Amino acid sequence: MAGTIVIRQIGSPIRRPATQRQTLIGLGLNRLHRVRELEDTPSVRGMIRSIPHLVEIVEIREGPGKEPR
């Protein structure tokens, strides 16, 4: 079972390309300082990597049976 990752929106989508806005919506973020806890999967990591200037990783929680990173 994968762990979870906690992310916070730190940047505004105003005057950003539509793809970046859609990525924020896909992550469940639509207002500044909103926090979401998502499953730590490669697709979520890729979405975060595509907009690092708009989000920050707050915490990475390990799943059961995983070694700490």
PDB file of N, CA and C in Angstrom:
ATOM      1  N   MET A   1       0.840  -1.185   0.000  1.00  0.00           N
ATOM      2  CA  MET A   1       0.000   0.000   0.000  1.00  0.00           C
ATOM      3  C   MET A   1       0.880   1.240   0.000  1.00  0.00           C
ATOM      4  N   ALA A   2       0.564   2.187  -0.814  1.00  0.00           N
ATOM      5  CA  ALA A   2       1.344   3.414  -0.916  1.00  0.00           C
ATOM      6  C   ALA A   2       1.023   4.342   0.242  1.00  0.00           C
ATOM      7  N   GLY A   3       1.975   5.209   0.528  1.00  0.00           N
ATOM      8  CA  GLY A   3       1.755   6.207   1.564  1.00  0.00           C
ATOM      9  C   GLY A   3       0.914   7.347   1.026  1.00  0.00           C
ATOM     10  N   THR A   4       0.861   8.405   1.802  1.00  0.00           N
ATOM     11  CA  THR A   4       0.124   9.589   1.361  1.00  0.00           C
ATOM     12  C   THR A   4       1.055  10.785   1.358  1.00  0.00           C
ATOM     13  N   ILE A   5       0.660  11.797   0.635  1.00  0.00           N
ATOM     14  CA  ILE A   5       1.437  13.023   0.526  1.00  0.00           C
ATOM     15  C   ILE A   5       0.488  14.191   0.791  1.00  0.00           C
ATOM     16  N   VAL A   6       0.930  15.146   1.591  1.00  0.00           N
ATOM     17  CA  VAL A   6       0.124  16.313   1.932  1.00  0.00           C
ATOM     18  C   VAL A   6       0.709  17.505   1.178  1.00  0.00           C
ATOM     19  N   ILE A   7      -0.138  18.172   0.383  1.00  0.00           N
ATOM     20  CA  ILE A   7       0.321  19.323  -0.403  1.00  0.00           C
ATOM     21  C   ILE A   7      -0.525  20.547  -0.087  1.00  0.00           C
ATOM     22  N   ARG A   8       0.071  21.725  -0.274  1.00  0.00           N
ATOM     23  CA  ARG A   8      -0.616  22.997  -0.030  1.00  0.00           C
ATOM     24  C   ARG A   8      -0.409  23.891  -1.255  1.00  0.00           C
ATOM     25  N   GLN A   9      -1.468  24.570  -1.664  1.00  0.00           N
ATOM     26  CA  GLN A   9      -1.369  25.511  -2.772  1.00  0.00           C
ATOM     27  C   GLN A   9      -0.772  26.813  -2.251  1.00  0.00           C
ATOM     28  N   ILE A  10       0.320  27.267  -2.884  1.00  0.00           N
ATOM     29  CA  ILE A  10       0.983  28.492  -2.453  1.00  0.00           C
ATOM     30  C   ILE A  10       0.968  29.582  -3.518  1.00  0.00           C
ATOM     31  N   GLY A  11       0.532  29.242  -4.726  1.00  0.00           N
ATOM     32  CA  GLY A  11       0.504  30.210  -5.811  1.00  0.00           C
ATOM     33  C   GLY A  11      -0.871  30.319  -6.424  1.00  0.00           C
ATOM     34  N   SER A  12      -1.151  31.479  -6.991  1.00  0.00           N
ATOM     35  CA  SER A  12      -2.448  31.722  -7.609  1.00  0.00           C
ATOM     36  C   SER A  12      -2.453  31.252  -9.065  1.00  0.00           C
ATOM     37  N   PRO A  13      -3.571  30.686  -9.521  1.00  0.00           N
ATOM     38  CA  PRO A  13      -3.665  30.281 -10.920  1.00  0.00           C
ATOM     39  C   PRO A  13      -3.983  31.438 -11.868  1.00  0.00           C
ATOM     40  N   ILE A  14      -4.148  32.639 -11.336  1.00  0.00           N
ATOM     41  CA  ILE A  14      -4.443  33.799 -12.178  1.00  0.00           C
ATOM     42  C   ILE A  14      -3.256  34.063 -13.101  1.00  0.00           C
ATOM     43  N   ARG A  15      -3.540  34.283 -14.376  1.00  0.00           N
ATOM     44  CA  ARG A  15      -2.540  34.555 -15.409  1.00  0.00           C
ATOM     45  C   ARG A  15      -1.587  33.387 -15.635  1.00  0.00           C
ATOM     46  N   ARG A  16      -2.056  32.186 -15.392  1.00  0.00           N
ATOM     47  CA  ARG A  16      -1.296  30.965 -15.659  1.00  0.00           C
ATOM     48  C   ARG A  16      -1.941  30.244 -16.835  1.00  0.00           C
ATOM     49  N   PRO A  17      -1.185  29.428 -17.543  1.00  0.00           N
ATOM     50  CA  PRO A  17      -1.772  28.662 -18.649  1.00  0.00           C
ATOM     51  C   PRO A  17      -2.898  27.748 -18.154  1.00  0.00           C
ATOM     52  N   ALA A  18      -3.818  27.468 -19.038  1.00  0.00           N
ATOM     53  CA  ALA A  18      -4.989  26.650 -18.690  1.00  0.00           C
ATOM     54  C   ALA A  18      -4.575  25.267 -18.198  1.00  0.00           C
ATOM     55  N   THR A  19      -3.502  24.711 -18.736  1.00  0.00           N
ATOM     56  CA  THR A  19      -3.073  23.376 -18.293  1.00  0.00           C
ATOM     57  C   THR A  19      -2.647  23.382 -16.828  1.00  0.00           C
ATOM     58  N   GLN A  20      -2.009  24.460 -16.383  1.00  0.00           N
ATOM     59  CA  GLN A  20      -1.609  24.547 -14.981  1.00  0.00           C
ATOM     60  C   GLN A  20      -2.836  24.694 -14.079  1.00  0.00           C
ATOM     61  N   ARG A  21      -3.821  25.457 -14.517  1.00  0.00           N
ATOM     62  CA  ARG A  21      -5.070  25.591 -13.748  1.00  0.00           C
ATOM     63  C   ARG A  21      -5.779  24.251 -13.635  1.00  0.00           C
ATOM     64  N   GLN A  22      -5.821  23.506 -14.741  1.00  0.00           N
ATOM     65  CA  GLN A  22      -6.478  22.205 -14.733  1.00  0.00           C
ATOM     66  C   GLN A  22      -5.732  21.199 -13.848  1.00  0.00           C
ATOM     67  N   THR A  23      -4.413  21.312 -13.793  1.00  0.00           N
ATOM     68  CA  THR A  23      -3.632  20.441 -12.925  1.00  0.00           C
ATOM     69  C   THR A  23      -3.961  20.716 -11.461  1.00  0.00           C
ATOM     70  N   LEU A  24      -4.092  21.992 -11.091  1.00  0.00           N
ATOM     71  CA  LEU A  24      -4.484  22.333  -9.721  1.00  0.00           C
ATOM     72  C   LEU A  24      -5.852  21.753  -9.384  1.00  0.00           C
ATOM     73  N   ILE A  25      -6.791  21.882 -10.304  1.00  0.00           N
ATOM     74  CA  ILE A  25      -8.134  21.342 -10.086  1.00  0.00           C
ATOM     75  C   ILE A  25      -8.070  19.818  -9.962  1.00  0.00           C
ATOM     76  N   GLY A  26      -7.241  19.191 -10.785  1.00  0.00           N
ATOM     77  CA  GLY A  26      -7.073  17.742 -10.718  1.00  0.00           C
ATOM     78  C   GLY A  26      -6.517  17.273  -9.387  1.00  0.00           C
ATOM     79  N   LEU A  27      -5.702  18.107  -8.751  1.00  0.00           N
ATOM     80  CA  LEU A  27      -5.162  17.790  -7.435  1.00  0.00           C
ATOM     81  C   LEU A  27      -6.144  18.141  -6.314  1.00  0.00           C
ATOM     82  N   GLY A  28      -7.245  18.775  -6.674  1.00  0.00           N
ATOM     83  CA  GLY A  28      -8.241  19.146  -5.667  1.00  0.00           C
ATOM     84  C   GLY A  28      -7.957  20.479  -5.007  1.00  0.00           C
ATOM     85  N   LEU A  29      -7.150  21.301  -5.644  1.00  0.00           N
ATOM     86  CA  LEU A  29      -6.805  22.614  -5.100  1.00  0.00           C
ATOM     87  C   LEU A  29      -7.427  23.696  -5.968  1.00  0.00           C
ATOM     88  N   ASN A  30      -8.044  24.689  -5.345  1.00  0.00           N
ATOM     89  CA  ASN A  30      -8.616  25.768  -6.132  1.00  0.00           C
ATOM     90  C   ASN A  30      -8.570  27.109  -5.416  1.00  0.00           C
ATOM     91  N   ARG A  31      -8.017  27.147  -4.208  1.00  0.00           N
ATOM     92  CA  ARG A  31      -7.856  28.403  -3.477  1.00  0.00           C
ATOM     93  C   ARG A  31      -6.508  28.397  -2.780  1.00  0.00           C
ATOM     94  N   LEU A  32      -5.942  29.564  -2.574  1.00  0.00           N
ATOM     95  CA  LEU A  32      -4.653  29.664  -1.901  1.00  0.00           C
ATOM     96  C   LEU A  32      -4.720  29.063  -0.499  1.00  0.00           C
ATOM     97  N   HIS A  33      -3.632  28.424  -0.113  1.00  0.00           N
ATOM     98  CA  HIS A  33      -3.426  27.835   1.210  1.00  0.00           C
ATOM     99  C   HIS A  33      -4.336  26.645   1.505  1.00  0.00           C
ATOM    100  N   ARG A  34      -5.026  26.133   0.496  1.00  0.00           N
ATOM    101  CA  ARG A  34      -5.823  24.926   0.686  1.00  0.00           C
ATOM    102  C   ARG A  34      -4.881  23.726   0.751  1.00  0.00           C
ATOM    103  N   VAL A  35      -5.177  22.788   1.629  1.00  0.00           N
ATOM    104  CA  VAL A  35      -4.334  21.619   1.857  1.00  0.00           C
ATOM    105  C   VAL A  35      -5.103  20.364   1.481  1.00  0.00           C
ATOM    106  N   ARG A  36      -4.422  19.434   0.805  1.00  0.00           N
ATOM    107  CA  ARG A  36      -5.029  18.161   0.424  1.00  0.00           C
ATOM    108  C   ARG A  36      -4.079  17.025   0.782  1.00  0.00           C
ATOM    109  N   GLU A  37      -4.659  15.909   1.169  1.00  0.00           N
ATOM    110  CA  GLU A  37      -3.881  14.697   1.409  1.00  0.00           C
ATOM    111  C   GLU A  37      -4.251  13.702   0.312  1.00  0.00           C
ATOM    112  N   LEU A  38      -3.264  13.318  -0.484  1.00  0.00           N
ATOM    113  CA  LEU A  38      -3.486  12.447  -1.627  1.00  0.00           C
ATOM    114  C   LEU A  38      -2.612  11.210  -1.520  1.00  0.00           C
ATOM    115  N   GLU A  39      -3.010  10.144  -2.208  1.00  0.00           N
ATOM    116  CA  GLU A  39      -2.204   8.935  -2.258  1.00  0.00           C
ATOM    117  C   GLU A  39      -0.924   9.228  -3.028  1.00  0.00           C
ATOM    118  N   ASP A  40       0.180   8.749  -2.524  1.00  0.00           N
ATOM    119  CA  ASP A  40       1.485   9.001  -3.131  1.00  0.00           C
ATOM    120  C   ASP A  40       1.710   8.032  -4.287  1.00  0.00           C
ATOM    121  N   THR A  41       1.291   8.456  -5.484  1.00  0.00           N
ATOM    122  CA  THR A  41       1.440   7.636  -6.682  1.00  0.00           C
ATOM    123  C   THR A  41       2.295   8.388  -7.694  1.00  0.00           C
ATOM    124  N   PRO A  42       2.831   7.694  -8.695  1.00  0.00           N
ATOM    125  CA  PRO A  42       3.620   8.380  -9.712  1.00  0.00           C
ATOM    126  C   PRO A  42       2.841   9.464 -10.464  1.00  0.00           C
ATOM    127  N   SER A  43       1.537   9.255 -10.679  1.00  0.00           N
ATOM    128  CA  SER A  43       0.753  10.261 -11.397  1.00  0.00           C
ATOM    129  C   SER A  43       0.598  11.534 -10.567  1.00  0.00           C
ATOM    130  N   VAL A  44       0.377  11.397  -9.264  1.00  0.00           N
ATOM    131  CA  VAL A  44       0.271  12.572  -8.394  1.00  0.00           C
ATOM    132  C   VAL A  44       1.615  13.274  -8.324  1.00  0.00           C
ATOM    133  N   ARG A  45       2.707  12.510  -8.209  1.00  0.00           N
ATOM    134  CA  ARG A  45       4.042  13.109  -8.176  1.00  0.00           C
ATOM    135  C   ARG A  45       4.324  13.887  -9.466  1.00  0.00           C
ATOM    136  N   GLY A  46       3.902  13.342 -10.606  1.00  0.00           N
ATOM    137  CA  GLY A  46       4.104  14.030 -11.877  1.00  0.00           C
ATOM    138  C   GLY A  46       3.317  15.327 -11.959  1.00  0.00           C
ATOM    139  N   MET A  47       2.102  15.327 -11.428  1.00  0.00           N
ATOM    140  CA  MET A  47       1.297  16.545 -11.419  1.00  0.00           C
ATOM    141  C   MET A  47       1.963  17.615 -10.546  1.00  0.00           C
ATOM    142  N   ILE A  48       2.465  17.204  -9.391  1.00  0.00           N
ATOM    143  CA  ILE A  48       3.149  18.143  -8.505  1.00  0.00           C
ATOM    144  C   ILE A  48       4.416  18.672  -9.171  1.00  0.00           C
ATOM    145  N   ARG A  49       5.135  17.799  -9.851  1.00  0.00           N
ATOM    146  CA  ARG A  49       6.372  18.195 -10.525  1.00  0.00           C
ATOM    147  C   ARG A  49       6.115  19.173 -11.672  1.00  0.00           C
ATOM    148  N   SER A  50       4.915  19.140 -12.245  1.00  0.00           N
ATOM    149  CA  SER A  50       4.614  20.033 -13.363  1.00  0.00           C
ATOM    150  C   SER A  50       4.256  21.452 -12.913  1.00  0.00           C
ATOM    151  N   ILE A  51       3.913  21.623 -11.621  1.00  0.00           N
ATOM    152  CA  ILE A  51       3.573  22.958 -11.107  1.00  0.00           C
ATOM    153  C   ILE A  51       4.243  23.227  -9.755  1.00  0.00           C
ATOM    154  N   PRO A  52       5.566  23.083  -9.660  1.00  0.00           N
ATOM    155  CA  PRO A  52       6.222  23.260  -8.360  1.00  0.00           C
ATOM    156  C   PRO A  52       6.162  24.689  -7.830  1.00  0.00           C
ATOM    157  N   HIS A  53       5.926  25.651  -8.713  1.00  0.00           N
ATOM    158  CA  HIS A  53       5.839  27.051  -8.308  1.00  0.00           C
ATOM    159  C   HIS A  53       4.472  27.394  -7.720  1.00  0.00           C
ATOM    160  N   LEU A  54       3.506  26.478  -7.816  1.00  0.00           N
ATOM    161  CA  LEU A  54       2.162  26.725  -7.296  1.00  0.00           C
ATOM    162  C   LEU A  54       1.818  25.884  -6.066  1.00  0.00           C
ATOM    163  N   VAL A  55       2.579  24.822  -5.808  1.00  0.00           N
ATOM    164  CA  VAL A  55       2.282  23.956  -4.665  1.00  0.00           C
ATOM    165  C   VAL A  55       3.559  23.655  -3.885  1.00  0.00           C
ATOM    166  N   GLU A  56       3.378  23.260  -2.624  1.00  0.00           N
ATOM    167  CA  GLU A  56       4.499  22.796  -1.825  1.00  0.00           C
ATOM    168  C   GLU A  56       4.097  21.503  -1.126  1.00  0.00           C
ATOM    169  N   ILE A  57       5.073  20.634  -0.932  1.00  0.00           N
ATOM    170  CA  ILE A  57       4.836  19.392  -0.217  1.00  0.00           C
ATOM    171  C   ILE A  57       5.006  19.699   1.262  1.00  0.00           C
ATOM    172  N   VAL A  58       3.946  19.469   2.029  1.00  0.00           N
ATOM    173  CA  VAL A  58       3.963  19.740   3.459  1.00  0.00           C
ATOM    174  C   VAL A  58       4.520  18.543   4.218  1.00  0.00           C
ATOM    175  N   GLU A  59       4.054  17.349   3.842  1.00  0.00           N
ATOM    176  CA  GLU A  59       4.440  16.154   4.588  1.00  0.00           C
ATOM    177  C   GLU A  59       4.291  14.931   3.700  1.00  0.00           C
ATOM    178  N   ILE A  60       5.155  13.955   3.919  1.00  0.00           N
ATOM    179  CA  ILE A  60       5.051  12.659   3.246  1.00  0.00           C
ATOM    180  C   ILE A  60       4.839  11.623   4.331  1.00  0.00           C
ATOM    181  N   ARG A  61       3.704  10.949   4.290  1.00  0.00           N
ATOM    182  CA  ARG A  61       3.375   9.926   5.292  1.00  0.00           C
ATOM    183  C   ARG A  61       3.554   8.558   4.657  1.00  0.00           C
ATOM    184  N   GLU A  62       4.293   7.716   5.334  1.00  0.00           N
ATOM    185  CA  GLU A  62       4.580   6.383   4.815  1.00  0.00           C
ATOM    186  C   GLU A  62       3.418   5.436   5.062  1.00  0.00           C
ATOM    187  N   GLY A  63       3.232   4.516   4.146  1.00  0.00           N
ATOM    188  CA  GLY A  63       2.221   3.488   4.328  1.00  0.00           C
ATOM    189  C   GLY A  63       2.756   2.386   5.228  1.00  0.00           C
ATOM    190  N   PRO A  64       1.922   1.467   5.640  1.00  0.00           N
ATOM    191  CA  PRO A  64       2.390   0.379   6.506  1.00  0.00           C
ATOM    192  C   PRO A  64       3.370  -0.530   5.774  1.00  0.00           C
ATOM    193  N   GLY A  65       4.427  -0.894   6.466  1.00  0.00           N
ATOM    194  CA  GLY A  65       5.385  -1.819   5.883  1.00  0.00           C
ATOM    195  C   GLY A  65       6.417  -1.192   4.963  1.00  0.00           C
ATOM    196  N   LYS A  66       6.445   0.134   4.850  1.00  0.00           N
ATOM    197  CA  LYS A  66       7.434   0.783   3.980  1.00  0.00           C
ATOM    198  C   LYS A  66       8.579   1.328   4.816  1.00  0.00           C
ATOM    199  N   GLU A  67       9.747   1.342   4.233  1.00  0.00           N
ATOM    200  CA  GLU A  67      10.901   1.931   4.891  1.00  0.00           C
ATOM    201  C   GLU A  67      10.835   3.443   4.772  1.00  0.00           C
ATOM    202  N   PRO A  68      11.306   4.200   5.770  1.00  0.00           N
ATOM    203  CA  PRO A  68      11.306   5.678   5.660  1.00  0.00           C
ATOM    204  C   PRO A  68      12.189   6.145   4.531  1.00  0.00           C
ATOM    205  N   ARG A  69      11.843   7.254   3.905  1.00  0.00           N
ATOM    206  CA  ARG A  69      12.637   7.806   2.802  1.00  0.00           C
ATOM    207  C   ARG A  69      13.761   8.658   3.329  1.00  0.00           C
TER     208      ARG A  69
END
